[in-house]
Amino acid sequence: MIQEFFISFFGKPGGIIISQLIISCQFTIYLSLIAFVGGGLIGAIITVLRIIPNKFLNTFSYCYTWLFQSVPLLMLLFLLGLGIPKLVERDIDPWLAASIAFIIFTSAYLSEVWRGSILAIPKGQWEAGLAFNFSFQQTLRLIILPQAFRYSVAPTISFLIQIIKGTSLAYIIGFHDLMLIGKRWANAPVIGSEPYIIFPLMALFYFCLCYPLALLAKNLEKKSLSYD
């Protein structure tokens, strides 16, 4: 249905290429959402472990963040999508491998974004919680997090943009997203699918996915600054 619609406007192969690129965008979006939601949940846990008064948990969360921020995303994809399957002699679905890699990568970076937002809150706010005889958990939940949320929204959305662009690496392990479909067309011996046509077209699709989020992050940042 979609393909026929675009063929009627752009003919062949243009209509086929555009329709397939649009359809493949949904998988880019799905992987980005999986990474953002899954990584956000784990990142929130790591953030709490970094700030609670427990030396062992502080060290564990620090090591987790340090390790997965130091390992390139491409290496995580290679390890989970190609290395481990070879080691265990068993295929791993590209969806699963890509999802795990992006969740780990995202959690490590979001935990630092959110920890930085919490550390940006003046120490006097923690002291205010003690003055009200609040526990650490009550102070964090009632006083610190509502303020830190305002500082963290814009950089969190900005990192979501990085996730969307980062999904372009998942084609390495056979993940069927915008990049993989585009590269296949760019390498196809078909007139009208030359790289100088396909790659700018793919860039336009990524721009359409990321630019609205960039505007949202910019507006939220202005609002947060206006409250200071």
Protein backbone atom coordinates (compact mmCIF):
# COMPACT_ATOMS: atom_id res chain seq x y z
CA MET A 1 0.00 0.00 0.00
CA ILE A 2 2.70 2.48 1.02
CA GLN A 3 4.98 1.28 -1.74
CA GLU A 4 2.29 1.67 -4.39
CA PHE A 5 1.55 5.20 -3.16
CA PHE A 6 5.17 6.34 -3.52
CA ILE A 7 5.63 4.53 -6.83
CA SER A 8 2.71 6.53 -8.21
CA PHE A 9 4.59 9.74 -7.32
CA PHE A 10 8.25 8.86 -7.90
CA GLY A 11 8.08 5.85 -10.19
CA LYS A 12 10.59 3.01 -10.02
CA PRO A 13 12.97 2.54 -8.32
CA GLY A 14 12.54 5.88 -6.48
CA GLY A 15 9.15 5.03 -5.03
CA ILE A 16 10.31 1.59 -3.90
CA ILE A 17 13.44 3.03 -2.25
CA ILE A 18 11.60 5.77 -0.38
CA SER A 19 8.85 3.43 0.83
CA GLN A 20 11.37 0.88 2.11
CA LEU A 21 13.38 3.56 3.88
CA ILE A 22 10.23 4.87 5.56
CA ILE A 23 9.21 1.40 6.67
CA SER A 24 12.72 0.71 8.01
CA CYS A 25 12.55 3.92 10.07
CA GLN A 26 10.08 2.23 12.41
CA PHE A 27 12.76 -0.26 13.47
CA THR A 28 15.17 2.58 14.15
CA ILE A 29 12.49 4.18 16.34
CA TYR A 30 11.68 0.90 18.11
CA LEU A 31 15.33 0.22 18.95
CA SER A 32 15.76 3.79 20.19
CA LEU A 33 12.74 3.47 22.47
CA ILE A 34 13.92 0.11 23.81
CA ALA A 35 17.35 1.60 24.54
CA PHE A 36 15.89 4.72 26.14
CA VAL A 37 13.32 2.98 28.33
CA GLY A 38 15.47 -0.02 29.30
CA GLY A 39 18.61 2.06 29.70
CA GLY A 40 16.67 4.68 31.64
CA LEU A 41 15.40 2.14 34.16
CA ILE A 42 18.85 0.66 34.75
CA GLY A 43 20.42 4.11 34.66
CA ALA A 44 18.05 5.32 37.39
CA ILE A 45 19.08 2.40 39.60
CA ILE A 46 22.78 3.08 38.95
CA THR A 47 22.24 6.77 39.74
CA VAL A 48 20.70 5.95 43.11
CA LEU A 49 23.50 3.50 43.88
CA ARG A 50 26.05 6.25 43.13
CA ILE A 51 24.63 8.67 45.71
CA ILE A 52 23.33 6.53 48.57
CA PRO A 53 25.58 6.36 51.67
CA ASN A 54 26.95 2.88 50.98
CA LYS A 55 30.58 2.53 49.94
CA PHE A 56 30.23 -0.91 48.35
CA LEU A 57 27.25 0.11 46.19
CA ASN A 58 28.97 3.39 45.32
CA THR A 59 32.01 1.47 44.09
CA PHE A 60 29.93 -1.05 42.16
CA SER A 61 27.91 1.64 40.37
CA TYR A 62 31.06 3.64 39.64
CA CYS A 63 32.74 0.59 38.09
CA TYR A 64 29.64 -0.16 36.01
CA THR A 65 29.52 3.38 34.65
CA TRP A 66 33.28 3.57 34.07
CA LEU A 67 33.36 0.20 32.28
CA PHE A 68 30.51 0.74 29.85
CA GLN A 69 31.39 4.35 29.12
CA SER A 70 34.90 3.21 28.25
CA VAL A 71 33.80 0.47 25.84
CA PRO A 72 32.73 1.84 22.42
CA LEU A 73 29.16 1.11 21.39
CA LEU A 74 30.42 -0.54 18.21
CA MET A 75 32.51 -2.93 20.30
CA LEU A 76 29.49 -3.85 22.42
CA LEU A 77 27.57 -4.64 19.24
CA PHE A 78 30.43 -6.79 17.93
CA LEU A 79 30.74 -8.66 21.23
CA LEU A 80 27.02 -9.33 21.69
CA GLY A 81 26.08 -9.79 18.05
CA LEU A 82 29.11 -11.59 16.65
CA GLY A 83 31.63 -12.49 19.37
CA ILE A 84 29.46 -14.28 21.94
CA PRO A 85 27.48 -16.22 19.29
CA LYS A 86 30.78 -17.56 17.94
CA LEU A 87 31.95 -18.42 21.45
CA VAL A 88 28.80 -20.34 22.44
CA GLU A 89 28.26 -21.61 18.88
CA ARG A 90 24.71 -20.36 18.88
CA ASP A 91 23.07 -17.59 16.88
CA ILE A 92 21.71 -14.58 18.75
CA ASP A 93 18.88 -12.62 17.18
CA PRO A 94 20.11 -9.17 16.03
CA TRP A 95 17.14 -7.59 17.82
CA LEU A 96 18.21 -9.10 21.14
CA ALA A 97 21.90 -8.34 20.69
CA ALA A 98 21.27 -4.74 19.59
CA SER A 99 18.76 -4.15 22.40
CA ILE A 100 21.13 -5.38 25.11
CA ALA A 101 24.05 -3.39 23.71
CA PHE A 102 22.07 -0.17 23.52
CA ILE A 103 20.46 -0.63 26.93
CA ILE A 104 23.87 -1.09 28.56
CA PHE A 105 25.36 1.84 26.66
CA THR A 106 22.40 4.11 27.42
CA SER A 107 22.22 3.21 31.12
CA ALA A 108 25.88 4.12 31.66
CA TYR A 109 25.52 7.57 30.13
CA LEU A 110 22.08 8.46 31.49
CA SER A 111 23.21 7.56 35.00
CA GLU A 112 25.95 10.18 34.72
CA VAL A 113 23.55 12.77 33.28
CA TRP A 114 21.14 12.25 36.15
CA ARG A 115 23.85 12.08 38.81
CA GLY A 116 25.19 15.39 37.54
CA SER A 117 21.70 16.90 37.81
CA ILE A 118 21.44 15.74 41.42
CA LEU A 119 24.91 17.07 42.27
CA ALA A 120 23.90 20.43 40.79
CA ILE A 121 21.42 20.87 43.63
CA PRO A 122 22.98 22.99 46.41
CA LYS A 123 23.99 21.12 49.56
CA GLY A 124 21.70 23.42 51.50
CA GLN A 125 18.75 21.49 50.09
CA TRP A 126 20.05 18.29 51.69
CA GLU A 127 20.55 20.19 54.94
CA ALA A 128 16.97 21.43 54.71
CA GLY A 129 15.81 17.81 54.61
CA LEU A 130 17.81 17.08 57.74
CA ALA A 131 16.27 20.12 59.41
CA PHE A 132 12.84 18.64 58.76
CA ASN A 133 14.07 15.34 60.20
CA PHE A 134 13.68 13.63 56.81
CA SER A 135 15.48 10.38 56.06
CA PHE A 136 17.87 10.18 53.10
CA GLN A 137 15.15 8.58 50.97
CA GLN A 138 12.58 11.22 51.92
CA THR A 139 14.98 14.07 51.22
CA LEU A 140 15.90 12.58 47.87
CA ARG A 141 12.29 11.93 46.85
CA LEU A 142 10.61 15.06 48.17
CA ILE A 143 13.27 17.75 47.83
CA ILE A 144 16.16 16.76 45.55
CA LEU A 145 14.59 14.81 42.68
CA PRO A 146 11.89 17.39 41.82
CA GLN A 147 14.62 20.01 41.41
CA ALA A 148 17.06 17.68 39.64
CA PHE A 149 14.35 16.70 37.17
CA ARG A 150 14.25 20.25 35.84
CA TYR A 151 18.00 20.19 35.17
CA SER A 152 18.01 16.74 33.62
CA VAL A 153 15.16 16.93 31.07
CA ALA A 154 17.02 18.83 28.35
CA PRO A 155 20.26 16.77 28.45
CA THR A 156 18.23 13.57 28.63
CA ILE A 157 16.37 14.44 25.43
CA SER A 158 19.65 15.48 23.83
CA PHE A 159 21.06 12.06 24.63
CA LEU A 160 17.98 10.44 23.06
CA ILE A 161 19.08 12.13 19.84
CA GLN A 162 22.48 10.46 20.23
CA ILE A 163 20.75 7.11 20.67
CA ILE A 164 18.76 7.55 17.46
CA LYS A 165 21.92 8.39 15.52
CA GLY A 166 23.79 5.59 17.26
CA THR A 167 21.31 2.98 16.00
CA SER A 168 22.93 3.41 12.59
CA LEU A 169 25.76 1.19 13.90
CA ALA A 170 23.45 -1.77 14.50
CA TYR A 171 23.49 -2.71 10.81
CA ILE A 172 26.94 -4.21 11.53
CA ILE A 173 25.27 -7.22 13.18
CA GLY A 174 22.46 -7.49 10.61
CA PHE A 175 19.83 -5.36 12.33
CA HIS A 176 17.26 -4.34 9.71
CA ASP A 177 17.02 -0.60 10.23
CA LEU A 178 17.27 2.51 8.11
CA MET A 179 21.05 2.23 7.70
CA LEU A 180 21.05 -1.42 6.59
CA ILE A 181 18.30 -0.96 4.00
CA GLY A 182 19.93 2.22 2.72
CA LYS A 183 23.35 0.59 2.34
CA ARG A 184 21.81 -2.32 0.47
CA TRP A 185 20.23 0.04 -2.00
CA ALA A 186 23.42 2.10 -2.29
CA ASN A 187 25.35 -1.07 -3.20
CA ALA A 188 22.68 -2.36 -5.59
CA PRO A 189 23.46 -2.16 -9.33
CA VAL A 190 20.25 -0.26 -10.00
CA ILE A 191 20.04 3.06 -11.79
CA GLY A 192 18.62 5.62 -9.37
CA SER A 193 20.07 3.96 -6.27
CA GLU A 194 23.56 5.42 -6.48
CA PRO A 195 25.27 6.27 -3.14
CA TYR A 196 25.16 10.01 -3.86
CA ILE A 197 21.36 9.69 -3.96
CA ILE A 198 20.75 7.18 -1.18
CA PHE A 199 23.03 8.58 1.53
CA PRO A 200 21.70 12.18 1.38
CA LEU A 201 18.20 10.69 1.44
CA MET A 202 19.07 8.67 4.55
CA ALA A 203 20.57 11.76 6.16
CA LEU A 204 17.27 13.54 5.55
CA PHE A 205 15.38 10.77 7.34
CA TYR A 206 17.71 10.93 10.35
CA PHE A 207 17.34 14.72 10.37
CA CYS A 208 13.54 14.41 10.42
CA LEU A 209 13.78 12.03 13.39
CA CYS A 210 16.26 14.11 15.40
CA TYR A 211 15.50 17.75 14.66
CA PRO A 212 12.13 17.93 16.49
CA LEU A 213 13.82 16.45 19.57
CA ALA A 214 16.64 18.99 19.29
CA LEU A 215 14.09 21.82 19.25
CA LEU A 216 12.31 20.31 22.25
CA ALA A 217 15.56 20.04 24.21
CA LYS A 218 16.45 23.63 23.36
CA ASN A 219 13.07 24.95 24.48
CA LEU A 220 13.16 22.97 27.72
CA GLU A 221 16.66 24.24 28.44
CA LYS A 222 15.48 27.84 27.99
CA LYS A 223 12.59 27.21 30.36
CA SER A 224 14.83 25.67 33.00
CA LEU A 225 17.21 28.63 32.80
CA SER A 226 14.31 31.07 33.11
CA TYR A 227 13.41 29.53 36.47
CA ASP A 228 16.89 30.13 37.93
